[in-house]
Amino acid sequence: ELLETDLYLPLVVLANKQDNQGACSITTLHEALSLEEVGDQRKL
């Protein structure tokens, strides 16, 4: 929803709590948030 407002706004996702047991991998989070859909014009 936030990304819809600006198709070129750079995005920095911080996967916090990576030190916790059971934290997902970066790849899993990328898939869970569907980051492949954020657009080719955006820095991610």
All heavy atoms as atom14 arrays in JSON, in Angstrom:
{
  "sequence": "ELLETDLYLPLVVLANKQDNQGACSITTLHEALSLEEVGDQRKL",
  "atom14_mask": [
    [1, 1, 1, 1, 1, 1, 1, 1, 1, 0, 0, 0, 0, 0],
    [1, 1, 1, 1, 1, 1, 1, 1, 0, 0, 0, 0, 0, 0],
    [1, 1, 1, 1, 1, 1, 1, 1, 0, 0, 0, 0, 0, 0],
    [1, 1, 1, 1, 1, 1, 1, 1, 1, 0, 0, 0, 0, 0],
    [1, 1, 1, 1, 1, 1, 1, 0, 0, 0, 0, 0, 0, 0],
    [1, 1, 1, 1, 1, 1, 1, 1, 0, 0, 0, 0, 0, 0],
    [1, 1, 1, 1, 1, 1, 1, 1, 0, 0, 0, 0, 0, 0],
    [1, 1, 1, 1, 1, 1, 1, 1, 1, 1, 1, 1, 0, 0],
    [1, 1, 1, 1, 1, 1, 1, 1, 0, 0, 0, 0, 0, 0],
    [1, 1, 1, 1, 1, 1, 1, 0, 0, 0, 0, 0, 0, 0],
    [1, 1, 1, 1, 1, 1, 1, 1, 0, 0, 0, 0, 0, 0],
    [1, 1, 1, 1, 1, 1, 1, 0, 0, 0, 0, 0, 0, 0],
    [1, 1, 1, 1, 1, 1, 1, 0, 0, 0, 0, 0, 0, 0],
    [1, 1, 1, 1, 1, 1, 1, 1, 0, 0, 0, 0, 0, 0],
    [1, 1, 1, 1, 1, 0, 0, 0, 0, 0, 0, 0, 0, 0],
    [1, 1, 1, 1, 1, 1, 1, 1, 0, 0, 0, 0, 0, 0],
    [1, 1, 1, 1, 1, 1, 1, 1, 1, 0, 0, 0, 0, 0],
    [1, 1, 1, 1, 1, 1, 1, 1, 1, 0, 0, 0, 0, 0],
    [1, 1, 1, 1, 1, 1, 1, 1, 0, 0, 0, 0, 0, 0],
    [1, 1, 1, 1, 1, 1, 1, 1, 0, 0, 0, 0, 0, 0],
    [1, 1, 1, 1, 1, 1, 1, 1, 1, 0, 0, 0, 0, 0],
    [1, 1, 1, 1, 0, 0, 0, 0, 0, 0, 0, 0, 0, 0],
    [1, 1, 1, 1, 1, 0, 0, 0, 0, 0, 0, 0, 0, 0],
    [1, 1, 1, 1, 1, 1, 0, 0, 0, 0, 0, 0, 0, 0],
    [1, 1, 1, 1, 1, 1, 0, 0, 0, 0, 0, 0, 0, 0],
    [1, 1, 1, 1, 1, 1, 1, 1, 0, 0, 0, 0, 0, 0],
    [1, 1, 1, 1, 1, 1, 1, 0, 0, 0, 0, 0, 0, 0],
    [1, 1, 1, 1, 1, 1, 1, 0, 0, 0, 0, 0, 0, 0],
    [1, 1, 1, 1, 1, 1, 1, 1, 0, 0, 0, 0, 0, 0],
    [1, 1, 1, 1, 1, 1, 1, 1, 1, 1, 0, 0, 0, 0],
    [1, 1, 1, 1, 1, 1, 1, 1, 1, 0, 0, 0, 0, 0],
    [1, 1, 1, 1, 1, 0, 0, 0, 0, 0, 0, 0, 0, 0],
    [1, 1, 1, 1, 1, 1, 1, 1, 0, 0, 0, 0, 0, 0],
    [1, 1, 1, 1, 1, 1, 0, 0, 0, 0, 0, 0, 0, 0],
    [1, 1, 1, 1, 1, 1, 1, 1, 0, 0, 0, 0, 0, 0],
    [1, 1, 1, 1, 1, 1, 1, 1, 1, 0, 0, 0, 0, 0],
    [1, 1, 1, 1, 1, 1, 1, 1, 1, 0, 0, 0, 0, 0],
    [1, 1, 1, 1, 1, 1, 1, 0, 0, 0, 0, 0, 0, 0],
    [1, 1, 1, 1, 0, 0, 0, 0, 0, 0, 0, 0, 0, 0],
    [1, 1, 1, 1, 1, 1, 1, 1, 0, 0, 0, 0, 0, 0],
    [1, 1, 1, 1, 1, 1, 1, 1, 1, 0, 0, 0, 0, 0],
    [1, 1, 1, 1, 1, 1, 1, 1, 1, 1, 1, 0, 0, 0],
    [1, 1, 1, 1, 1, 1, 1, 1, 1, 0, 0, 0, 0, 0],
    [1, 1, 1, 1, 1, 1, 1, 1, 0, 0, 0, 0, 0, 0]
  ],
  "atom14_positions": [
    [[0.84, -1.2, 0.0], [0.0, 0.0, 0.0], [0.87, 1.26, 0.0], [0.59, 2.22, -0.72], [-0.94, 0.01, 1.21], [-2.08, -0.97, 1.11], [-2.9, -1.08, 2.38], [-2.54, -0.45, 3.41], [-3.9, -1.83, 2.38], [0.0, 0.0, 0.0], [0.0, 0.0, 0.0], [0.0, 0.0, 0.0], [0.0, 0.0, 0.0], [0.0, 0.0, 0.0]],
    [[1.92, 1.24, 0.81], [2.82, 2.39, 0.86], [3.55, 2.59, -0.47], [3.74, 3.72, -0.92], [3.86, 2.2, 1.98], [3.35, 2.31, 3.4], [4.4, 1.81, 4.39], [2.96, 3.75, 3.71], [0.0, 0.0, 0.0], [0.0, 0.0, 0.0], [0.0, 0.0, 0.0], [0.0, 0.0, 0.0], [0.0, 0.0, 0.0], [0.0, 0.0, 0.0]],
    [[3.93, 1.5, -1.1], [4.7, 1.58, -2.34], [3.87, 2.09, -3.52], [4.44, 2.62, -4.48], [5.29, 0.22, -2.68], [6.36, -0.28, -1.71], [6.77, -1.7, -2.07], [7.55, 0.66, -1.67], [0.0, 0.0, 0.0], [0.0, 0.0, 0.0], [0.0, 0.0, 0.0], [0.0, 0.0, 0.0], [0.0, 0.0, 0.0], [0.0, 0.0, 0.0]],
    [[2.56, 1.96, -3.45], [1.69, 2.42, -4.53], [1.77, 3.93, -4.72], [1.49, 4.43, -5.82], [0.24, 2.02, -4.27], [-0.04, 0.56, -4.43], [-1.46, 0.19, -4.05], [-2.27, 1.09, -3.73], [-1.77, -1.01, -4.06], [0.0, 0.0, 0.0], [0.0, 0.0, 0.0], [0.0, 0.0, 0.0], [0.0, 0.0, 0.0], [0.0, 0.0, 0.0]],
    [[2.15, 4.66, -3.7], [2.14, 6.12, -3.77], [3.29, 6.69, -4.59], [3.21, 7.82, -5.06], [2.16, 6.74, -2.36], [3.37, 6.36, -1.71], [0.97, 6.29, -1.54], [0.0, 0.0, 0.0], [0.0, 0.0, 0.0], [0.0, 0.0, 0.0], [0.0, 0.0, 0.0], [0.0, 0.0, 0.0], [0.0, 0.0, 0.0], [0.0, 0.0, 0.0]],
    [[4.38, 5.94, -4.75], [5.53, 6.43, -5.5], [6.25, 5.23, -6.12], [6.91, 4.47, -5.41], [6.47, 7.22, -4.59], [7.63, 7.87, -5.33], [7.97, 7.42, -6.45], [8.2, 8.83, -4.79], [0.0, 0.0, 0.0], [0.0, 0.0, 0.0], [0.0, 0.0, 0.0], [0.0, 0.0, 0.0], [0.0, 0.0, 0.0], [0.0, 0.0, 0.0]],
    [[6.17, 5.1, -7.42], [6.72, 3.93, -8.11], [8.24, 3.91, -8.18], [8.83, 2.89, -8.52], [6.15, 3.84, -9.53], [4.63, 3.7, -9.62], [4.19, 3.69, -11.06], [4.16, 2.45, -8.91], [0.0, 0.0, 0.0], [0.0, 0.0, 0.0], [0.0, 0.0, 0.0], [0.0, 0.0, 0.0], [0.0, 0.0, 0.0], [0.0, 0.0, 0.0]],
    [[8.87, 5.04, -7.85], [10.33, 5.13, -7.95], [11.02, 5.3, -6.6], [12.24, 5.37, -6.54], [10.72, 6.29, -8.87], [10.16, 6.11, -10.26], [8.99, 6.76, -10.65], [10.78, 5.26, -11.16], [8.47, 6.57, -11.93], [10.26, 5.07, -12.44], [9.11, 5.73, -12.81], [8.6, 5.53, -14.06], [0.0, 0.0, 0.0], [0.0, 0.0, 0.0]],
    [[10.26, 5.4, -5.54], [10.83, 5.61, -4.21], [11.71, 4.42, -3.81], [11.26, 3.28, -3.81], [9.7, 5.78, -3.18], [10.11, 6.11, -1.75], [10.76, 7.49, -1.69], [8.89, 6.07, -0.83], [0.0, 0.0, 0.0], [0.0, 0.0, 0.0], [0.0, 0.0, 0.0], [0.0, 0.0, 0.0], [0.0, 0.0, 0.0], [0.0, 0.0, 0.0]],
    [[12.99, 4.67, -3.49], [13.86, 3.58, -3.05], [13.3, 2.93, -1.78], [12.72, 3.61, -0.92], [15.19, 4.26, -2.77], [15.15, 5.53, -3.55], [13.71, 5.94, -3.56], [0.0, 0.0, 0.0], [0.0, 0.0, 0.0], [0.0, 0.0, 0.0], [0.0, 0.0, 0.0], [0.0, 0.0, 0.0], [0.0, 0.0, 0.0], [0.0, 0.0, 0.0]],
    [[13.51, 1.62, -1.67], [12.98, 0.86, -0.55], [14.11, 0.14, 0.17], [14.89, -0.58, -0.45], [11.96, -0.17, -1.04], [11.45, -1.19, -0.03], [10.7, -0.5, 1.13], [10.55, -2.22, -0.71], [0.0, 0.0, 0.0], [0.0, 0.0, 0.0], [0.0, 0.0, 0.0], [0.0, 0.0, 0.0], [0.0, 0.0, 0.0], [0.0, 0.0, 0.0]],
    [[14.18, 0.35, 1.48], [15.12, -0.38, 2.33], [14.27, -1.17, 3.32], [13.55, -0.59, 4.13], [16.08, 0.56, 3.09], [16.98, -0.22, 4.03], [16.89, 1.4, 2.11], [0.0, 0.0, 0.0], [0.0, 0.0, 0.0], [0.0, 0.0, 0.0], [0.0, 0.0, 0.0], [0.0, 0.0, 0.0], [0.0, 0.0, 0.0], [0.0, 0.0, 0.0]],
    [[14.34, -2.49, 3.24], [13.63, -3.36, 4.17], [14.65, -3.89, 5.17], [15.66, -4.47, 4.78], [12.93, -4.54, 3.44], [12.26, -5.46, 4.46], [11.92, -4.03, 2.44], [0.0, 0.0, 0.0], [0.0, 0.0, 0.0], [0.0, 0.0, 0.0], [0.0, 0.0, 0.0], [0.0, 0.0, 0.0], [0.0, 0.0, 0.0], [0.0, 0.0, 0.0]],
    [[14.38, -3.65, 6.45], [15.25, -4.15, 7.5], [14.58, -5.37, 8.12], [13.52, -5.27, 8.73], [15.49, -3.07, 8.56], [16.13, -1.78, 8.05], [16.31, -0.8, 9.19], [17.46, -2.07, 7.37], [0.0, 0.0, 0.0], [0.0, 0.0, 0.0], [0.0, 0.0, 0.0], [0.0, 0.0, 0.0], [0.0, 0.0, 0.0], [0.0, 0.0, 0.0]],
    [[15.2, -6.52, 7.92], [14.71, -7.78, 8.49], [15.29, -7.87, 9.9], [16.38, -8.4, 10.1], [15.15, -8.96, 7.62], [0.0, 0.0, 0.0], [0.0, 0.0, 0.0], [0.0, 0.0, 0.0], [0.0, 0.0, 0.0], [0.0, 0.0, 0.0], [0.0, 0.0, 0.0], [0.0, 0.0, 0.0], [0.0, 0.0, 0.0], [0.0, 0.0, 0.0]],
    [[14.56, -7.33, 10.85], [15.06, -7.25, 12.22], [14.91, -8.58, 12.95], [14.18, -9.46, 12.53], [14.33, -6.13, 12.97], [15.1, -5.69, 14.19], [16.31, -5.8, 14.26], [14.39, -5.17, 15.17], [0.0, 0.0, 0.0], [0.0, 0.0, 0.0], [0.0, 0.0, 0.0], [0.0, 0.0, 0.0], [0.0, 0.0, 0.0], [0.0, 0.0, 0.0]],
    [[15.63, -8.7, 14.04], [15.63, -9.87, 14.93], [16.21, -11.11, 14.25], [15.81, -12.23, 14.52], [14.23, -10.15, 15.48], [13.68, -9.0, 16.31], [12.38, -9.37, 16.97], [11.85, -8.19, 17.78], [10.58, -8.51, 18.42], [0.0, 0.0, 0.0], [0.0, 0.0, 0.0], [0.0, 0.0, 0.0], [0.0, 0.0, 0.0], [0.0, 0.0, 0.0]],
    [[17.18, -10.89, 13.38], [17.84, -12.0, 12.71], [18.62, -12.88, 13.7], [18.94, -14.01, 13.38], [18.79, -11.48, 11.63], [18.09, -11.03, 10.37], [17.52, -12.18, 9.59], [18.27, -13.03, 9.12], [16.21, -12.24, 9.46], [0.0, 0.0, 0.0], [0.0, 0.0, 0.0], [0.0, 0.0, 0.0], [0.0, 0.0, 0.0], [0.0, 0.0, 0.0]],
    [[18.88, -12.36, 14.88], [19.6, -13.13, 15.9], [18.69, -14.08, 16.67], [19.17, -14.94, 17.4], [20.33, -12.2, 16.87], [19.38, -11.22, 17.56], [18.37, -10.81, 16.94], [19.65, -10.85, 18.7], [0.0, 0.0, 0.0], [0.0, 0.0, 0.0], [0.0, 0.0, 0.0], [0.0, 0.0, 0.0], [0.0, 0.0, 0.0], [0.0, 0.0, 0.0]],
    [[17.37, -13.95, 16.5], [16.44, -14.82, 17.22], [16.37, -16.2, 16.57], [16.36, -16.32, 15.34], [15.03, -14.23, 17.23], [14.88, -13.08, 18.19], [15.83, -12.66, 18.83], [13.68, -12.54, 18.26], [0.0, 0.0, 0.0], [0.0, 0.0, 0.0], [0.0, 0.0, 0.0], [0.0, 0.0, 0.0], [0.0, 0.0, 0.0], [0.0, 0.0, 0.0]],
    [[16.3, -17.21, 17.42], [16.1, -18.55, 16.89], [14.74, -18.59, 16.21], [13.75, -18.09, 16.73], [16.16, -19.57, 18.02], [16.19, -21.0, 17.51], [16.57, -21.97, 18.61], [16.99, -21.6, 19.69], [16.42, -23.24, 18.31], [0.0, 0.0, 0.0], [0.0, 0.0, 0.0], [0.0, 0.0, 0.0], [0.0, 0.0, 0.0], [0.0, 0.0, 0.0]],
    [[14.68, -19.15, 15.04], [13.42, -19.22, 14.3], [13.2, -18.06, 13.35], [12.18, -18.01, 12.67], [0.0, 0.0, 0.0], [0.0, 0.0, 0.0], [0.0, 0.0, 0.0], [0.0, 0.0, 0.0], [0.0, 0.0, 0.0], [0.0, 0.0, 0.0], [0.0, 0.0, 0.0], [0.0, 0.0, 0.0], [0.0, 0.0, 0.0], [0.0, 0.0, 0.0]],
    [[14.14, -17.12, 13.32], [14.01, -16.01, 12.37], [14.13, -16.56, 10.96], [14.92, -17.46, 10.68], [15.08, -14.96, 12.63], [0.0, 0.0, 0.0], [0.0, 0.0, 0.0], [0.0, 0.0, 0.0], [0.0, 0.0, 0.0], [0.0, 0.0, 0.0], [0.0, 0.0, 0.0], [0.0, 0.0, 0.0], [0.0, 0.0, 0.0], [0.0, 0.0, 0.0]],
    [[13.34, -16.02, 10.06], [13.37, -16.49, 8.68], [14.61, -15.95, 7.97], [15.21, -14.97, 8.39], [12.11, -16.08, 7.94], [12.07, -14.35, 7.49], [0.0, 0.0, 0.0], [0.0, 0.0, 0.0], [0.0, 0.0, 0.0], [0.0, 0.0, 0.0], [0.0, 0.0, 0.0], [0.0, 0.0, 0.0], [0.0, 0.0, 0.0], [0.0, 0.0, 0.0]],
    [[14.94, -16.59, 6.88], [16.06, -16.14, 6.07], [15.66, -14.91, 5.26], [14.47, -14.61, 5.1], [16.51, -17.25, 5.14], [15.52, -17.47, 4.14], [0.0, 0.0, 0.0], [0.0, 0.0, 0.0], [0.0, 0.0, 0.0], [0.0, 0.0, 0.0], [0.0, 0.0, 0.0], [0.0, 0.0, 0.0], [0.0, 0.0, 0.0], [0.0, 0.0, 0.0]],
    [[16.65, -14.24, 4.74], [16.4, -13.08, 3.88], [15.6, -13.51, 2.64], [14.68, -12.83, 2.21], [17.73, -12.42, 3.48], [18.45, -11.86, 4.73], [17.52, -11.34, 2.44], [17.71, -10.79, 5.46], [0.0, 0.0, 0.0], [0.0, 0.0, 0.0], [0.0, 0.0, 0.0], [0.0, 0.0, 0.0], [0.0, 0.0, 0.0], [0.0, 0.0, 0.0]],
    [[15.96, -14.66, 2.09], [15.25, -15.17, 0.9], [13.78, -15.44, 1.21], [12.9, -15.08, 0.42], [15.93, -16.46, 0.39], [17.29, -16.18, 0.1], [15.23, -17.0, -0.85], [0.0, 0.0, 0.0], [0.0, 0.0, 0.0], [0.0, 0.0, 0.0], [0.0, 0.0, 0.0], [0.0, 0.0, 0.0], [0.0, 0.0, 0.0], [0.0, 0.0, 0.0]],
    [[13.52, -16.05, 2.35], [12.14, -16.34, 2.75], [11.35, -15.05, 2.93], [10.19, -14.95, 2.49], [12.11, -17.18, 4.04], [12.79, -18.41, 3.8], [10.69, -17.45, 4.5], [0.0, 0.0, 0.0], [0.0, 0.0, 0.0], [0.0, 0.0, 0.0], [0.0, 0.0, 0.0], [0.0, 0.0, 0.0], [0.0, 0.0, 0.0], [0.0, 0.0, 0.0]],
    [[11.96, -14.06, 3.55], [11.27, -12.78, 3.75], [11.03, -12.08, 2.41], [9.96, -11.51, 2.19], [12.07, -11.88, 4.69], [11.37, -10.59, 5.09], [10.05, -10.89, 5.81], [12.27, -9.75, 5.96], [0.0, 0.0, 0.0], [0.0, 0.0, 0.0], [0.0, 0.0, 0.0], [0.0, 0.0, 0.0], [0.0, 0.0, 0.0], [0.0, 0.0, 0.0]],
    [[11.99, -12.15, 1.52], [11.83, -11.56, 0.18], [10.59, -12.15, -0.5], [9.77, -11.42, -1.08], [13.09, -11.83, -0.65], [13.12, -11.14, -1.97], [12.42, -11.59, -3.07], [13.76, -10.03, -2.36], [12.64, -10.79, -4.08], [13.46, -9.82, -3.69], [0.0, 0.0, 0.0], [0.0, 0.0, 0.0], [0.0, 0.0, 0.0], [0.0, 0.0, 0.0]],
    [[10.45, -13.47, -0.4], [9.29, -14.15, -1.0], [8.0, -13.81, -0.26], [6.97, -13.54, -0.89], [9.52, -15.65, -1.02], [10.64, -16.09, -1.94], [11.05, -17.54, -1.77], [10.47, -18.24, -0.9], [11.96, -17.96, -2.5], [0.0, 0.0, 0.0], [0.0, 0.0, 0.0], [0.0, 0.0, 0.0], [0.0, 0.0, 0.0], [0.0, 0.0, 0.0]],
    [[8.04, -13.81, 1.08], [6.83, -13.56, 1.87], [6.27, -12.16, 1.65], [5.05, -11.96, 1.68], [7.13, -13.78, 3.36], [0.0, 0.0, 0.0], [0.0, 0.0, 0.0], [0.0, 0.0, 0.0], [0.0, 0.0, 0.0], [0.0, 0.0, 0.0], [0.0, 0.0, 0.0], [0.0, 0.0, 0.0], [0.0, 0.0, 0.0], [0.0, 0.0, 0.0]],
    [[7.15, -11.2, 1.41], [6.71, -9.82, 1.17], [6.49, -9.53, -0.31], [6.14, -8.4, -0.67], [7.74, -8.83, 1.74], [7.95, -8.87, 3.25], [9.01, -7.86, 3.67], [6.66, -8.64, 4.02], [0.0, 0.0, 0.0], [0.0, 0.0, 0.0], [0.0, 0.0, 0.0], [0.0, 0.0, 0.0], [0.0, 0.0, 0.0], [0.0, 0.0, 0.0]],
    [[6.69, -10.54, -1.15], [6.54, -10.39, -2.61], [7.35, -9.2, -3.13], [6.84, -8.36, -3.89], [5.07, -10.25, -3.0], [4.36, -11.41, -2.65], [0.0, 0.0, 0.0], [0.0, 0.0, 0.0], [0.0, 0.0, 0.0], [0.0, 0.0, 0.0], [0.0, 0.0, 0.0], [0.0, 0.0, 0.0], [0.0, 0.0, 0.0], [0.0, 0.0, 0.0]],
    [[8.59, -9.14, -2.71], [9.42, -8.01, -3.11], [9.76, -8.02, -4.6], [10.13, -6.99, -5.15], [10.69, -7.96, -2.26], [10.46, -7.66, -0.78], [11.76, -7.67, -0.02], [9.73, -6.34, -0.6], [0.0, 0.0, 0.0], [0.0, 0.0, 0.0], [0.0, 0.0, 0.0], [0.0, 0.0, 0.0], [0.0, 0.0, 0.0], [0.0, 0.0, 0.0]],
    [[9.59, -9.17, -5.24], [9.81, -9.23, -6.69], [8.76, -8.4, -7.44], [8.96, -8.07, -8.61], [9.81, -10.68, -7.2], [8.46, -11.37, -7.15], [8.07, -11.93, -5.79], [8.86, -11.81, -4.83], [6.96, -12.46, -5.67], [0.0, 0.0, 0.0], [0.0, 0.0, 0.0], [0.0, 0.0, 0.0], [0.0, 0.0, 0.0], [0.0, 0.0, 0.0]],
    [[7.7, -8.01, -6.76], [6.62, -7.25, -7.38], [6.76, -5.73, -7.21], [5.89, -4.99, -7.65], [5.27, -7.68, -6.79], [4.91, -9.11, -7.05], [3.63, -9.53, -6.34], [2.93, -8.66, -5.77], [3.33, -10.73, -6.36], [0.0, 0.0, 0.0], [0.0, 0.0, 0.0], [0.0, 0.0, 0.0], [0.0, 0.0, 0.0], [0.0, 0.0, 0.0]],
    [[7.81, -5.27, -6.56], [7.89, -3.84, -6.23], [8.28, -2.97, -7.42], [8.26, -1.75, -7.31], [8.8, -3.56, -5.02], [8.31, -4.27, -3.8], [10.25, -3.88, -5.33], [0.0, 0.0, 0.0], [0.0, 0.0, 0.0], [0.0, 0.0, 0.0], [0.0, 0.0, 0.0], [0.0, 0.0, 0.0], [0.0, 0.0, 0.0], [0.0, 0.0, 0.0]],
    [[8.65, -3.56, -8.52], [8.93, -2.79, -9.73], [10.4, -2.75, -10.09], [11.26, -2.73, -9.22], [0.0, 0.0, 0.0], [0.0, 0.0, 0.0], [0.0, 0.0, 0.0], [0.0, 0.0, 0.0], [0.0, 0.0, 0.0], [0.0, 0.0, 0.0], [0.0, 0.0, 0.0], [0.0, 0.0, 0.0], [0.0, 0.0, 0.0], [0.0, 0.0, 0.0]],
    [[10.64, -2.74, -11.38], [12.01, -2.74, -11.89], [12.67, -1.37, -11.78], [13.88, -1.26, -11.85], [12.02, -3.19, -13.35], [11.59, -4.63, -13.51], [11.78, -5.41, -12.56], [11.05, -4.96, -14.59], [0.0, 0.0, 0.0], [0.0, 0.0, 0.0], [0.0, 0.0, 0.0], [0.0, 0.0, 0.0], [0.0, 0.0, 0.0], [0.0, 0.0, 0.0]],
    [[11.87, -0.31, -11.65], [12.41, 1.05, -11.59], [12.85, 1.46, -10.19], [13.49, 2.48, -10.03], [11.35, 2.04, -12.09], [10.84, 1.74, -13.47], [11.95, 1.8, -14.52], [12.86, 2.61, -14.43], [11.88, 0.92, -15.5], [0.0, 0.0, 0.0], [0.0, 0.0, 0.0], [0.0, 0.0, 0.0], [0.0, 0.0, 0.0], [0.0, 0.0, 0.0]],
    [[12.52, 0.68, -9.2], [12.77, 1.03, -7.81], [14.07, 0.39, -7.31], [14.32, -0.79, -7.55], [11.6, 0.54, -6.95], [11.7, 0.88, -5.49], [10.61, 0.2, -4.68], [9.3, 0.27, -5.26], [8.45, 1.3, -5.14], [8.79, 2.34, -4.44], [7.26, 1.25, -5.71], [0.0, 0.0, 0.0], [0.0, 0.0, 0.0], [0.0, 0.0, 0.0]],
    [[14.87, 1.15, -6.58], [16.02, 0.57, -5.89], [15.5, -0.17, -4.68], [14.68, 0.36, -3.92], [17.0, 1.65, -5.44], [17.72, 2.33, -6.58], [18.68, 3.37, -6.05], [19.34, 4.12, -7.16], [20.21, 5.19, -6.64], [0.0, 0.0, 0.0], [0.0, 0.0, 0.0], [0.0, 0.0, 0.0], [0.0, 0.0, 0.0], [0.0, 0.0, 0.0]],
    [[15.95, -1.41, -4.49], [15.47, -2.25, -3.4], [16.66, -2.83, -2.65], [17.6, -3.37, -3.26], [14.62, -3.39, -3.95], [14.26, -4.53, -2.99], [13.38, -4.02, -1.85], [13.58, -5.66, -3.74], [0.0, 0.0, 0.0], [0.0, 0.0, 0.0], [0.0, 0.0, 0.0], [0.0, 0.0, 0.0], [0.0, 0.0, 0.0], [0.0, 0.0, 0.0]]
  ]
}
